Amino acid sequence: MHRAEFSAGLKMLGLAGEVIGQVIAGGGIGWLIDWWLGQEYVWVTVGAGVGVLTGLVTLVRGAWKLNSMLERTAPTRGRGTPLTDDDFQEQDDNDD
């Protein structure tokens, strides 16, 4: 497996963790609001829904970004010169 593909796989794993964290954070904030207001499961539902929407946006944006990075490192089939592993790392450093 190419080092860039392995790196992209690890980034997708991290992205999945980020999405899960957003859903949990949204539900947790909703639970705290419910507890503070003395309501039952109103804001938990709203918070979890906002967490899911935020997570989906994060997932789609991250997937597009990683897909474009992998496209640049894939075999060219006449579309130009692929990036090397060093170029892939430089792109990662510039994104931070």
C-alpha atoms as a PDB file:
ATOM      1  CA  MET A   1       0.000   0.000   0.000  1.00  0.00           C
ATOM      2  CA  HIS A   2       1.225   3.464  -0.860  1.00  0.00           C
ATOM      3  CA  ARG A   3       2.165   5.623   2.106  1.00  0.00           C
ATOM      4  CA  ALA A   4      -0.227   8.368   0.994  1.00  0.00           C
ATOM      5  CA  GLU A   5      -3.139   5.904   0.901  1.00  0.00           C
ATOM      6  CA  PHE A   6      -2.286   4.660   4.384  1.00  0.00           C
ATOM      7  CA  SER A   7      -2.097   8.242   5.629  1.00  0.00           C
ATOM      8  CA  ALA A   8      -5.488   9.003   4.078  1.00  0.00           C
ATOM      9  CA  GLY A   9      -6.958   5.924   5.766  1.00  0.00           C
ATOM     10  CA  LEU A  10      -5.737   7.125   9.135  1.00  0.00           C
ATOM     11  CA  LYS A  11      -7.185  10.563   8.446  1.00  0.00           C
ATOM     12  CA  MET A  12     -10.566   8.989   7.665  1.00  0.00           C
ATOM     13  CA  LEU A  13     -10.393   7.096  10.941  1.00  0.00           C
ATOM     14  CA  GLY A  14      -9.723  10.376  12.729  1.00  0.00           C
ATOM     15  CA  LEU A  15     -12.560  11.997  10.835  1.00  0.00           C
ATOM     16  CA  ALA A  16     -14.934   9.257  12.001  1.00  0.00           C
ATOM     17  CA  GLY A  17     -13.872   9.896  15.591  1.00  0.00           C
ATOM     18  CA  GLU A  18     -14.492  13.600  15.113  1.00  0.00           C
ATOM     19  CA  VAL A  19     -18.021  12.958  13.810  1.00  0.00           C
ATOM     20  CA  ILE A  20     -18.817  10.663  16.745  1.00  0.00           C
ATOM     21  CA  GLY A  21     -17.478  13.297  19.125  1.00  0.00           C
ATOM     22  CA  GLN A  22     -19.703  15.968  17.588  1.00  0.00           C
ATOM     23  CA  VAL A  23     -22.827  13.847  18.018  1.00  0.00           C
ATOM     24  CA  ILE A  24     -21.916  13.033  21.627  1.00  0.00           C
ATOM     25  CA  ALA A  25     -21.076  16.674  22.373  1.00  0.00           C
ATOM     26  CA  GLY A  26     -24.375  17.873  20.901  1.00  0.00           C
ATOM     27  CA  GLY A  27     -26.340  15.331  22.922  1.00  0.00           C
ATOM     28  CA  GLY A  28     -24.340  16.136  26.056  1.00  0.00           C
ATOM     29  CA  ILE A  29     -24.960  19.858  25.745  1.00  0.00           C
ATOM     30  CA  GLY A  30     -28.647  19.145  25.140  1.00  0.00           C
ATOM     31  CA  TRP A  31     -28.744  16.919  28.233  1.00  0.00           C
ATOM     32  CA  LEU A  32     -27.195  19.701  30.331  1.00  0.00           C
ATOM     33  CA  ILE A  33     -29.779  22.200  29.083  1.00  0.00           C
ATOM     34  CA  ASP A  34     -32.586  19.712  29.838  1.00  0.00           C
ATOM     35  CA  TRP A  35     -31.187  19.136  33.324  1.00  0.00           C
ATOM     36  CA  TRP A  36     -30.832  22.868  33.953  1.00  0.00           C
ATOM     37  CA  LEU A  37     -34.381  23.652  32.726  1.00  0.00           C
ATOM     38  CA  GLY A  38     -35.930  20.556  34.302  1.00  0.00           C
ATOM     39  CA  GLN A  39     -37.248  19.212  30.990  1.00  0.00           C
ATOM     40  CA  GLU A  40     -37.160  15.679  29.696  1.00  0.00           C
ATOM     41  CA  TYR A  41     -35.330  14.856  26.467  1.00  0.00           C
ATOM     42  CA  VAL A  42     -36.292  17.969  24.516  1.00  0.00           C
ATOM     43  CA  TRP A  43     -32.858  19.543  24.177  1.00  0.00           C
ATOM     44  CA  VAL A  44     -31.075  16.185  24.054  1.00  0.00           C
ATOM     45  CA  THR A  45     -32.920  15.496  20.822  1.00  0.00           C
ATOM     46  CA  VAL A  46     -32.185  18.965  19.449  1.00  0.00           C
ATOM     47  CA  GLY A  47     -28.531  18.774  20.491  1.00  0.00           C
ATOM     48  CA  ALA A  48     -28.047  15.316  19.025  1.00  0.00           C
ATOM     49  CA  GLY A  49     -29.718  16.445  15.792  1.00  0.00           C
ATOM     50  CA  VAL A  50     -27.409  19.443  15.544  1.00  0.00           C
ATOM     51  CA  GLY A  51     -24.484  17.130  16.300  1.00  0.00           C
ATOM     52  CA  VAL A  52     -25.517  14.761  13.503  1.00  0.00           C
ATOM     53  CA  LEU A  53     -25.865  17.619  11.001  1.00  0.00           C
ATOM     54  CA  THR A  54     -22.519  19.090  12.021  1.00  0.00           C
ATOM     55  CA  GLY A  55     -20.946  15.652  11.812  1.00  0.00           C
ATOM     56  CA  LEU A  56     -22.317  15.043   8.323  1.00  0.00           C
ATOM     57  CA  VAL A  57     -20.986  18.382   7.095  1.00  0.00           C
ATOM     58  CA  THR A  58     -17.587  17.584   8.607  1.00  0.00           C
ATOM     59  CA  LEU A  59     -17.612  14.109   7.075  1.00  0.00           C
ATOM     60  CA  VAL A  60     -18.505  15.313   3.574  1.00  0.00           C
ATOM     61  CA  ARG A  61     -15.940  18.134   3.627  1.00  0.00           C
ATOM     62  CA  GLY A  62     -13.223  15.818   4.913  1.00  0.00           C
ATOM     63  CA  ALA A  63     -14.064  13.120   2.382  1.00  0.00           C
ATOM     64  CA  TRP A  64     -13.908  15.608  -0.509  1.00  0.00           C
ATOM     65  CA  LYS A  65     -10.577  16.898   0.726  1.00  0.00           C
ATOM     66  CA  LEU A  66      -9.087  13.425   1.105  1.00  0.00           C
ATOM     67  CA  ASN A  67     -10.487  12.323  -2.235  1.00  0.00           C
ATOM     68  CA  SER A  68      -8.797  15.226  -3.993  1.00  0.00           C
ATOM     69  CA  MET A  69      -5.521  14.405  -2.223  1.00  0.00           C
ATOM     70  CA  LEU A  70      -5.742  10.772  -3.319  1.00  0.00           C
ATOM     71  CA  GLU A  71      -6.623  11.788  -6.867  1.00  0.00           C
ATOM     72  CA  ARG A  72      -3.370  13.716  -7.039  1.00  0.00           C
ATOM     73  CA  THR A  73      -1.362  10.726  -5.810  1.00  0.00           C
ATOM     74  CA  ALA A  74      -3.128   8.095  -7.934  1.00  0.00           C
ATOM     75  CA  PRO A  75      -1.651   6.755 -11.161  1.00  0.00           C
ATOM     76  CA  THR A  76      -2.101   9.449 -13.763  1.00  0.00           C
ATOM     77  CA  ARG A  77      -3.480   7.589 -16.789  1.00  0.00           C
ATOM     78  CA  GLY A  78      -2.357  10.542 -18.908  1.00  0.00           C
ATOM     79  CA  ARG A  79      -3.651  13.249 -16.565  1.00  0.00           C
ATOM     80  CA  GLY A  80      -0.337  14.622 -15.317  1.00  0.00           C
ATOM     81  CA  THR A  81       2.362  13.742 -12.822  1.00  0.00           C
ATOM     82  CA  PRO A  82       1.293  12.283  -9.466  1.00  0.00           C
ATOM     83  CA  LEU A  83       2.578  13.808  -6.267  1.00  0.00           C
ATOM     84  CA  THR A  84       5.257  12.054  -4.259  1.00  0.00           C
ATOM     85  CA  ASP A  85       4.916  11.130  -0.595  1.00  0.00           C
ATOM     86  CA  ASP A  86       6.874  14.280   0.288  1.00  0.00           C
ATOM     87  CA  ASP A  87       4.422  16.445  -1.653  1.00  0.00           C
ATOM     88  CA  PHE A  88       1.542  14.784   0.174  1.00  0.00           C
ATOM     89  CA  GLN A  89       3.158  15.574   3.536  1.00  0.00           C
ATOM     90  CA  GLU A  90       3.743  19.204   2.510  1.00  0.00           C
ATOM     91  CA  GLN A  91       0.053  19.494   1.610  1.00  0.00           C
ATOM     92  CA  ASP A  92      -0.872  18.184   5.084  1.00  0.00           C
ATOM     93  CA  ASP A  93       1.441  20.717   6.738  1.00  0.00           C
ATOM     94  CA  ASN A  94      -0.118  23.572   4.778  1.00  0.00           C
ATOM     95  CA  ASP A  95      -3.661  22.572   5.816  1.00  0.00           C
ATOM     96  CA  ASP A  96      -2.966  23.057   9.532  1.00  0.00           C
END
